[in-house]
PDB file of all heavy atoms in Angstrom:
ATOM      1  N   VAL A   1      -5.233  -5.800  -5.096  1.00  0.00           N
ATOM      2  CA  VAL A   1      -3.915  -6.184  -4.609  1.00  0.00           C
ATOM      3  C   VAL A   1      -3.006  -6.594  -5.758  1.00  0.00           C
ATOM      4  O   VAL A   1      -1.801  -6.290  -5.755  1.00  0.00           O
ATOM      5  CB  VAL A   1      -4.036  -7.322  -3.569  1.00  0.00           C
ATOM      6  CG1 VAL A   1      -2.648  -7.794  -3.131  1.00  0.00           C
ATOM      7  CG2 VAL A   1      -4.842  -6.858  -2.360  1.00  0.00           C
ATOM      8  N   GLU A   2      -3.581  -7.253  -6.753  1.00  0.00           N
ATOM      9  CA  GLU A   2      -2.775  -7.693  -7.897  1.00  0.00           C
ATOM     10  C   GLU A   2      -2.147  -6.497  -8.620  1.00  0.00           C
ATOM     11  O   GLU A   2      -0.962  -6.520  -8.982  1.00  0.00           O
ATOM     12  CB  GLU A   2      -3.652  -8.486  -8.872  1.00  0.00           C
ATOM     13  CG  GLU A   2      -2.879  -9.052 -10.046  1.00  0.00           C
ATOM     14  CD  GLU A   2      -3.777  -9.837 -11.003  1.00  0.00           C
ATOM     15  OE1 GLU A   2      -4.946 -10.100 -10.646  1.00  0.00           O
ATOM     16  OE2 GLU A   2      -3.307 -10.174 -12.103  1.00  0.00           O
ATOM     17  N   ALA A   3      -2.934  -5.438  -8.816  1.00  0.00           N
ATOM     18  CA  ALA A   3      -2.407  -4.242  -9.478  1.00  0.00           C
ATOM     19  C   ALA A   3      -1.345  -3.561  -8.618  1.00  0.00           C
ATOM     20  O   ALA A   3      -0.351  -3.033  -9.132  1.00  0.00           O
ATOM     21  CB  ALA A   3      -3.542  -3.264  -9.788  1.00  0.00           C
ATOM     22  N   VAL A   4      -1.553  -3.555  -7.298  1.00  0.00           N
ATOM     23  CA  VAL A   4      -0.556  -2.979  -6.392  1.00  0.00           C
ATOM     24  C   VAL A   4       0.780  -3.705  -6.558  1.00  0.00           C
ATOM     25  O   VAL A   4       1.837  -3.076  -6.715  1.00  0.00           O
ATOM     26  CB  VAL A   4      -1.022  -3.068  -4.921  1.00  0.00           C
ATOM     27  CG1 VAL A   4       0.120  -2.711  -3.969  1.00  0.00           C
ATOM     28  CG2 VAL A   4      -2.204  -2.133  -4.683  1.00  0.00           C
ATOM     29  N   MET A   5       0.721  -5.022  -6.560  1.00  0.00           N
ATOM     30  CA  MET A   5       1.950  -5.816  -6.680  1.00  0.00           C
ATOM     31  C   MET A   5       2.626  -5.585  -8.027  1.00  0.00           C
ATOM     32  O   MET A   5       3.852  -5.469  -8.113  1.00  0.00           O
ATOM     33  CB  MET A   5       1.630  -7.292  -6.460  1.00  0.00           C
ATOM     34  CG  MET A   5       1.159  -7.593  -5.042  1.00  0.00           C
ATOM     35  SD  MET A   5       0.606  -9.305  -4.821  1.00  0.00           S
ATOM     36  CE  MET A   5       2.156 -10.184  -5.051  1.00  0.00           C
ATOM     37  N   LYS A   6       1.832  -5.469  -9.059  1.00  0.00           N
ATOM     38  CA  LYS A   6       2.395  -5.227 -10.389  1.00  0.00           C
ATOM     39  C   LYS A   6       3.043  -3.837 -10.450  1.00  0.00           C
ATOM     40  O   LYS A   6       4.129  -3.664 -11.014  1.00  0.00           O
ATOM     41  CB  LYS A   6       1.287  -5.335 -11.445  1.00  0.00           C
ATOM     42  CG  LYS A   6       1.774  -5.159 -12.869  1.00  0.00           C
ATOM     43  CD  LYS A   6       0.620  -5.289 -13.861  1.00  0.00           C
ATOM     44  CE  LYS A   6       1.099  -5.031 -15.289  1.00  0.00           C
ATOM     45  NZ  LYS A   6      -0.046  -5.057 -16.247  1.00  0.00           N
ATOM     46  N   GLY A   7       2.381  -2.850  -9.860  1.00  0.00           N
ATOM     47  CA  GLY A   7       2.891  -1.484  -9.905  1.00  0.00           C
ATOM     48  C   GLY A   7       4.094  -1.245  -9.021  1.00  0.00           C
ATOM     49  O   GLY A   7       4.804  -0.243  -9.178  1.00  0.00           O
ATOM     50  N   CYS A   8       4.357  -2.143  -8.075  1.00  0.00           N
ATOM     51  CA  CYS A   8       5.486  -1.963  -7.161  1.00  0.00           C
ATOM     52  C   CYS A   8       6.831  -1.988  -7.873  1.00  0.00           C
ATOM     53  O   CYS A   8       7.848  -1.590  -7.291  1.00  0.00           O
ATOM     54  CB  CYS A   8       5.466  -3.041  -6.073  1.00  0.00           C
ATOM     55  SG  CYS A   8       4.392  -2.646  -4.668  1.00  0.00           S
ATOM     56  N   ALA A   9       6.844  -2.435  -9.113  1.00  0.00           N
ATOM     57  CA  ALA A   9       8.112  -2.460  -9.864  1.00  0.00           C
ATOM     58  C   ALA A   9       8.711  -1.061  -9.957  1.00  0.00           C
ATOM     59  O   ALA A   9       9.935  -0.893  -9.898  1.00  0.00           O
ATOM     60  CB  ALA A   9       7.888  -3.046 -11.256  1.00  0.00           C
ATOM     61  N   ASN A  10       7.854  -0.034 -10.101  1.00  0.00           N
ATOM     62  CA  ASN A  10       8.355   1.338 -10.177  1.00  0.00           C
ATOM     63  C   ASN A  10       9.029   1.732  -8.865  1.00  0.00           C
ATOM     64  O   ASN A  10      10.135   2.291  -8.864  1.00  0.00           O
ATOM     65  CB  ASN A  10       7.208   2.296 -10.506  1.00  0.00           C
ATOM     66  CG  ASN A  10       7.673   3.728 -10.711  1.00  0.00           C
ATOM     67  OD1 ASN A  10       7.755   4.511  -9.772  1.00  0.00           O
ATOM     68  ND2 ASN A  10       8.005   4.080 -11.944  1.00  0.00           N
ATOM     69  N   LEU A  11       8.398   1.416  -7.755  1.00  0.00           N
ATOM     70  CA  LEU A  11       8.968   1.700  -6.441  1.00  0.00           C
ATOM     71  C   LEU A  11      10.286   0.952  -6.254  1.00  0.00           C
ATOM     72  O   LEU A  11      11.277   1.526  -5.782  1.00  0.00           O
ATOM     73  CB  LEU A  11       7.961   1.310  -5.351  1.00  0.00           C
ATOM     74  CG  LEU A  11       8.453   1.327  -3.901  1.00  0.00           C
ATOM     75  CD1 LEU A  11       8.922   2.713  -3.509  1.00  0.00           C
ATOM     76  CD2 LEU A  11       7.346   0.837  -2.966  1.00  0.00           C
ATOM     77  N   GLY A  12      10.292  -0.306  -6.642  1.00  0.00           N
ATOM     78  CA  GLY A  12      11.502  -1.118  -6.487  1.00  0.00           C
ATOM     79  C   GLY A  12      12.681  -0.559  -7.243  1.00  0.00           C
ATOM     80  O   GLY A  12      13.822  -0.562  -6.740  1.00  0.00           O
ATOM     81  N   ARG A  13      12.429  -0.066  -8.450  1.00  0.00           N
ATOM     82  CA  ARG A  13      13.505   0.515  -9.248  1.00  0.00           C
ATOM     83  C   ARG A  13      14.116   1.727  -8.521  1.00  0.00           C
ATOM     84  O   ARG A  13      15.338   1.886  -8.467  1.00  0.00           O
ATOM     85  CB  ARG A  13      12.945   0.931 -10.606  1.00  0.00           C
ATOM     86  CG  ARG A  13      13.883   1.725 -11.490  1.00  0.00           C
ATOM     87  CD  ARG A  13      14.930   0.868 -12.171  1.00  0.00           C
ATOM     88  NE  ARG A  13      14.370  -0.169 -13.001  1.00  0.00           N
ATOM     89  CZ  ARG A  13      13.869   0.002 -14.237  1.00  0.00           C
ATOM     90  NH1 ARG A  13      13.829   1.218 -14.762  1.00  0.00           N
ATOM     91  NH2 ARG A  13      13.420  -1.020 -14.927  1.00  0.00           N
ATOM     92  N   HIS A  14      13.265   2.560  -7.942  1.00  0.00           N
ATOM     93  CA  HIS A  14      13.769   3.742  -7.233  1.00  0.00           C
ATOM     94  C   HIS A  14      14.558   3.351  -5.984  1.00  0.00           C
ATOM     95  O   HIS A  14      15.590   3.967  -5.677  1.00  0.00           O
ATOM     96  CB  HIS A  14      12.612   4.672  -6.864  1.00  0.00           C
ATOM     97  CG  HIS A  14      12.010   5.388  -8.021  1.00  0.00           C
ATOM     98  ND1 HIS A  14      12.717   6.283  -8.790  1.00  0.00           N
ATOM     99  CD2 HIS A  14      10.761   5.339  -8.563  1.00  0.00           C
ATOM    100  CE1 HIS A  14      11.931   6.764  -9.751  1.00  0.00           C
ATOM    101  NE2 HIS A  14      10.749   6.206  -9.626  1.00  0.00           N
ATOM    102  N   VAL A  15      14.081   2.353  -5.263  1.00  0.00           N
ATOM    103  CA  VAL A  15      14.804   1.889  -4.071  1.00  0.00           C
ATOM    104  C   VAL A  15      16.200   1.415  -4.454  1.00  0.00           C
ATOM    105  O   VAL A  15      17.207   1.789  -3.841  1.00  0.00           O
ATOM    106  CB  VAL A  15      14.024   0.769  -3.355  1.00  0.00           C
ATOM    107  CG1 VAL A  15      14.878   0.123  -2.267  1.00  0.00           C
ATOM    108  CG2 VAL A  15      12.731   1.304  -2.749  1.00  0.00           C
ATOM    109  N   GLN A  16      16.278   0.589  -5.486  1.00  0.00           N
ATOM    110  CA  GLN A  16      17.571   0.067  -5.919  1.00  0.00           C
ATOM    111  C   GLN A  16      18.481   1.179  -6.437  1.00  0.00           C
ATOM    112  O   GLN A  16      19.694   1.177  -6.190  1.00  0.00           O
ATOM    113  CB  GLN A  16      17.344  -0.994  -7.003  1.00  0.00           C
ATOM    114  CG  GLN A  16      16.671  -2.254  -6.464  1.00  0.00           C
ATOM    115  CD  GLN A  16      16.084  -3.131  -7.565  1.00  0.00           C
ATOM    116  OE1 GLN A  16      15.830  -2.667  -8.678  1.00  0.00           O
ATOM    117  NE2 GLN A  16      15.866  -4.404  -7.254  1.00  0.00           N
ATOM    118  N   ASN A  17      17.901   2.154  -7.142  1.00  0.00           N
ATOM    119  CA  ASN A  17      18.710   3.260  -7.669  1.00  0.00           C
ATOM    120  C   ASN A  17      19.332   4.094  -6.560  1.00  0.00           C
ATOM    121  O   ASN A  17      20.511   4.459  -6.614  1.00  0.00           O
ATOM    122  CB  ASN A  17      17.847   4.163  -8.561  1.00  0.00           C
ATOM    123  CG  ASN A  17      17.613   3.576  -9.944  1.00  0.00           C
ATOM    124  OD1 ASN A  17      18.231   2.574 -10.318  1.00  0.00           O
ATOM    125  ND2 ASN A  17      16.724   4.193 -10.693  1.00  0.00           N
ATOM    126  N   VAL A  18      18.521   4.445  -5.549  1.00  0.00           N
ATOM    127  CA  VAL A  18      19.044   5.276  -4.466  1.00  0.00           C
ATOM    128  C   VAL A  18      20.147   4.541  -3.707  1.00  0.00           C
ATOM    129  O   VAL A  18      21.157   5.134  -3.299  1.00  0.00           O
ATOM    130  CB  VAL A  18      17.912   5.723  -3.521  1.00  0.00           C
ATOM    131  CG1 VAL A  18      18.471   6.412  -2.277  1.00  0.00           C
ATOM    132  CG2 VAL A  18      16.958   6.671  -4.248  1.00  0.00           C
ATOM    133  N   LYS A  19      19.993   3.231  -3.551  1.00  0.00           N
ATOM    134  CA  LYS A  19      21.025   2.439  -2.874  1.00  0.00           C
ATOM    135  C   LYS A  19      22.356   2.486  -3.618  1.00  0.00           C
ATOM    136  O   LYS A  19      23.422   2.343  -3.009  1.00  0.00           O
ATOM    137  CB  LYS A  19      20.559   0.988  -2.726  1.00  0.00           C
ATOM    138  CG  LYS A  19      19.525   0.775  -1.628  1.00  0.00           C
ATOM    139  CD  LYS A  19      19.224  -0.709  -1.476  1.00  0.00           C
ATOM    140  CE  LYS A  19      18.331  -0.981  -0.278  1.00  0.00           C
ATOM    141  NZ  LYS A  19      18.094  -2.427  -0.074  1.00  0.00           N
ATOM    142  N   LYS A  20      22.315   2.704  -4.944  1.00  0.00           N
ATOM    143  CA  LYS A  20      23.557   2.769  -5.727  1.00  0.00           C
ATOM    144  C   LYS A  20      24.442   3.933  -5.298  1.00  0.00           C
ATOM    145  O   LYS A  20      25.643   3.931  -5.569  1.00  0.00           O
ATOM    146  CB  LYS A  20      23.232   2.899  -7.221  1.00  0.00           C
ATOM    147  CG  LYS A  20      22.639   1.650  -7.837  1.00  0.00           C
ATOM    148  CD  LYS A  20      22.275   1.875  -9.295  1.00  0.00           C
ATOM    149  CE  LYS A  20      21.637   0.616  -9.885  1.00  0.00           C
ATOM    150  NZ  LYS A  20      21.199   0.817 -11.282  1.00  0.00           N
ATOM    151  N   PHE A  21      23.848   4.933  -4.655  1.00  0.00           N
ATOM    152  CA  PHE A  21      24.618   6.089  -4.190  1.00  0.00           C
ATOM    153  C   PHE A  21      25.179   5.875  -2.779  1.00  0.00           C
ATOM    154  O   PHE A  21      25.791   6.775  -2.212  1.00  0.00           O
ATOM    155  CB  PHE A  21      23.753   7.344  -4.213  1.00  0.00           C
ATOM    156  CG  PHE A  21      23.357   7.775  -5.600  1.00  0.00           C
ATOM    157  CD1 PHE A  21      22.175   7.330  -6.171  1.00  0.00           C
ATOM    158  CD2 PHE A  21      24.173   8.639  -6.338  1.00  0.00           C
ATOM    159  CE1 PHE A  21      21.806   7.734  -7.459  1.00  0.00           C
ATOM    160  CE2 PHE A  21      23.809   9.044  -7.612  1.00  0.00           C
ATOM    161  CZ  PHE A  21      22.631   8.588  -8.180  1.00  0.00           C
ATOM    162  N   GLY A  22      24.942   4.707  -2.209  1.00  0.00           N
ATOM    163  CA  GLY A  22      25.464   4.410  -0.883  1.00  0.00           C
ATOM    164  C   GLY A  22      24.682   5.044   0.243  1.00  0.00           C
ATOM    165  O   GLY A  22      25.218   5.283   1.325  1.00  0.00           O
ATOM    166  N   VAL A  23      23.391   5.315   0.002  1.00  0.00           N
ATOM    167  CA  VAL A  23      22.546   5.959   1.009  1.00  0.00           C
ATOM    168  C   VAL A  23      21.474   4.976   1.473  1.00  0.00           C
ATOM    169  O   VAL A  23      20.744   4.426   0.639  1.00  0.00           O
ATOM    170  CB  VAL A  23      21.885   7.230   0.433  1.00  0.00           C
ATOM    171  CG1 VAL A  23      20.998   7.899   1.480  1.00  0.00           C
ATOM    172  CG2 VAL A  23      22.949   8.211  -0.055  1.00  0.00           C
ATOM    173  N   PRO A  24      21.358   4.707   2.782  1.00  0.00           N
ATOM    174  CA  PRO A  24      20.314   3.785   3.268  1.00  0.00           C
ATOM    175  C   PRO A  24      18.920   4.349   3.028  1.00  0.00           C
ATOM    176  O   PRO A  24      18.708   5.559   3.119  1.00  0.00           O
ATOM    177  CB  PRO A  24      20.616   3.641   4.755  1.00  0.00           C
ATOM    178  CG  PRO A  24      21.456   4.818   5.116  1.00  0.00           C
ATOM    179  CD  PRO A  24      22.205   5.205   3.873  1.00  0.00           C
ATOM    180  N   VAL A  25      17.957   3.460   2.745  1.00  0.00           N
ATOM    181  CA  VAL A  25      16.632   3.862   2.260  1.00  0.00           C
ATOM    182  C   VAL A  25      15.525   3.285   3.131  1.00  0.00           C
ATOM    183  O   VAL A  25      15.598   2.135   3.580  1.00  0.00           O
ATOM    184  CB  VAL A  25      16.432   3.368   0.807  1.00  0.00           C
ATOM    185  CG1 VAL A  25      15.036   3.710   0.299  1.00  0.00           C
ATOM    186  CG2 VAL A  25      17.482   3.959  -0.113  1.00  0.00           C
ATOM    187  N   VAL A  26      14.480   4.097   3.352  1.00  0.00           N
ATOM    188  CA  VAL A  26      13.229   3.620   3.924  1.00  0.00           C
ATOM    189  C   VAL A  26      12.090   4.148   3.048  1.00  0.00           C
ATOM    190  O   VAL A  26      12.201   5.230   2.459  1.00  0.00           O
ATOM    191  CB  VAL A  26      13.058   4.083   5.395  1.00  0.00           C
ATOM    192  CG1 VAL A  26      13.060   5.610   5.502  1.00  0.00           C
ATOM    193  CG2 VAL A  26      11.784   3.507   6.017  1.00  0.00           C
ATOM    194  N   VAL A  27      11.021   3.366   2.921  1.00  0.00           N
ATOM    195  CA  VAL A  27       9.867   3.760   2.112  1.00  0.00           C
ATOM    196  C   VAL A  27       8.764   4.283   3.023  1.00  0.00           C
ATOM    197  O   VAL A  27       8.433   3.653   4.036  1.00  0.00           O
ATOM    198  CB  VAL A  27       9.340   2.577   1.272  1.00  0.00           C
ATOM    199  CG1 VAL A  27       8.022   2.935   0.575  1.00  0.00           C
ATOM    200  CG2 VAL A  27      10.390   2.159   0.242  1.00  0.00           C
ATOM    201  N   ALA A  28       8.206   5.451   2.672  1.00  0.00           N
ATOM    202  CA  ALA A  28       7.059   6.007   3.386  1.00  0.00           C
ATOM    203  C   ALA A  28       5.812   5.782   2.547  1.00  0.00           C
ATOM    204  O   ALA A  28       5.723   6.274   1.414  1.00  0.00           O
ATOM    205  CB  ALA A  28       7.260   7.499   3.637  1.00  0.00           C
ATOM    206  N   ILE A  29       4.867   5.018   3.080  1.00  0.00           N
ATOM    207  CA  ILE A  29       3.583   4.835   2.394  1.00  0.00           C
ATOM    208  C   ILE A  29       2.659   5.947   2.869  1.00  0.00           C
ATOM    209  O   ILE A  29       2.165   5.924   4.007  1.00  0.00           O
ATOM    210  CB  ILE A  29       2.955   3.463   2.701  1.00  0.00           C
ATOM    211  CG1 ILE A  29       3.928   2.326   2.374  1.00  0.00           C
ATOM    212  CG2 ILE A  29       1.645   3.287   1.927  1.00  0.00           C
ATOM    213  CD1 ILE A  29       3.424   0.951   2.815  1.00  0.00           C
ATOM    214  N   ASN A  30       2.436   6.935   2.029  1.00  0.00           N
ATOM    215  CA  ASN A  30       1.574   8.064   2.375  1.00  0.00           C
ATOM    216  C   ASN A  30       0.119   7.587   2.317  1.00  0.00           C
ATOM    217  O   ASN A  30      -0.391   7.251   1.249  1.00  0.00           O
ATOM    218  CB  ASN A  30       1.820   9.214   1.404  1.00  0.00           C
ATOM    219  CG  ASN A  30       1.060  10.465   1.778  1.00  0.00           C
ATOM    220  OD1 ASN A  30       0.599  10.610   2.902  1.00  0.00           O
ATOM    221  ND2 ASN A  30       0.919  11.366   0.822  1.00  0.00           N
ATOM    222  N   HIS A  31      -0.540   7.558   3.455  1.00  0.00           N
ATOM    223  CA  HIS A  31      -1.844   6.899   3.578  1.00  0.00           C
ATOM    224  C   HIS A  31      -2.988   7.690   2.959  1.00  0.00           C
ATOM    225  O   HIS A  31      -3.080   8.911   3.121  1.00  0.00           O
ATOM    226  CB  HIS A  31      -2.148   6.660   5.061  1.00  0.00           C
ATOM    227  CG  HIS A  31      -3.450   5.970   5.308  1.00  0.00           C
ATOM    228  ND1 HIS A  31      -4.586   6.635   5.712  1.00  0.00           N
ATOM    229  CD2 HIS A  31      -3.809   4.663   5.171  1.00  0.00           C
ATOM    230  CE1 HIS A  31      -5.582   5.769   5.846  1.00  0.00           C
ATOM    231  NE2 HIS A  31      -5.139   4.572   5.524  1.00  0.00           N
ATOM    232  N   PHE A  32      -3.850   6.981   2.240  1.00  0.00           N
ATOM    233  CA  PHE A  32      -5.131   7.507   1.756  1.00  0.00           C
ATOM    234  C   PHE A  32      -6.242   6.668   2.385  1.00  0.00           C
ATOM    235  O   PHE A  32      -6.068   5.475   2.651  1.00  0.00           O
ATOM    236  CB  PHE A  32      -5.219   7.430   0.230  1.00  0.00           C
ATOM    237  CG  PHE A  32      -4.511   8.553  -0.488  1.00  0.00           C
ATOM    238  CD1 PHE A  32      -3.123   8.616  -0.510  1.00  0.00           C
ATOM    239  CD2 PHE A  32      -5.221   9.551  -1.133  1.00  0.00           C
ATOM    240  CE1 PHE A  32      -2.465   9.650  -1.172  1.00  0.00           C
ATOM    241  CE2 PHE A  32      -4.580  10.584  -1.791  1.00  0.00           C
ATOM    242  CZ  PHE A  32      -3.198  10.639  -1.812  1.00  0.00           C
ATOM    243  N   THR A  33      -7.400   7.290   2.586  1.00  0.00           N
ATOM    244  CA  THR A  33      -8.488   6.582   3.279  1.00  0.00           C
ATOM    245  C   THR A  33      -8.984   5.365   2.508  1.00  0.00           C
ATOM    246  O   THR A  33      -9.547   4.438   3.096  1.00  0.00           O
ATOM    247  CB  THR A  33      -9.679   7.536   3.530  1.00  0.00           C
ATOM    248  OG1 THR A  33     -10.068   8.137   2.281  1.00  0.00           O
ATOM    249  CG2 THR A  33      -9.295   8.619   4.522  1.00  0.00           C
TER     250      THR A  33
END
């Protein structure tokens, strides 16, 4: 879990970037077993 939280910074950057274009965003967590 600690590594997941640390790695989320990459996801967060993309979320914030897409919002800069004025487009609402949702994240899809593509599930692995």
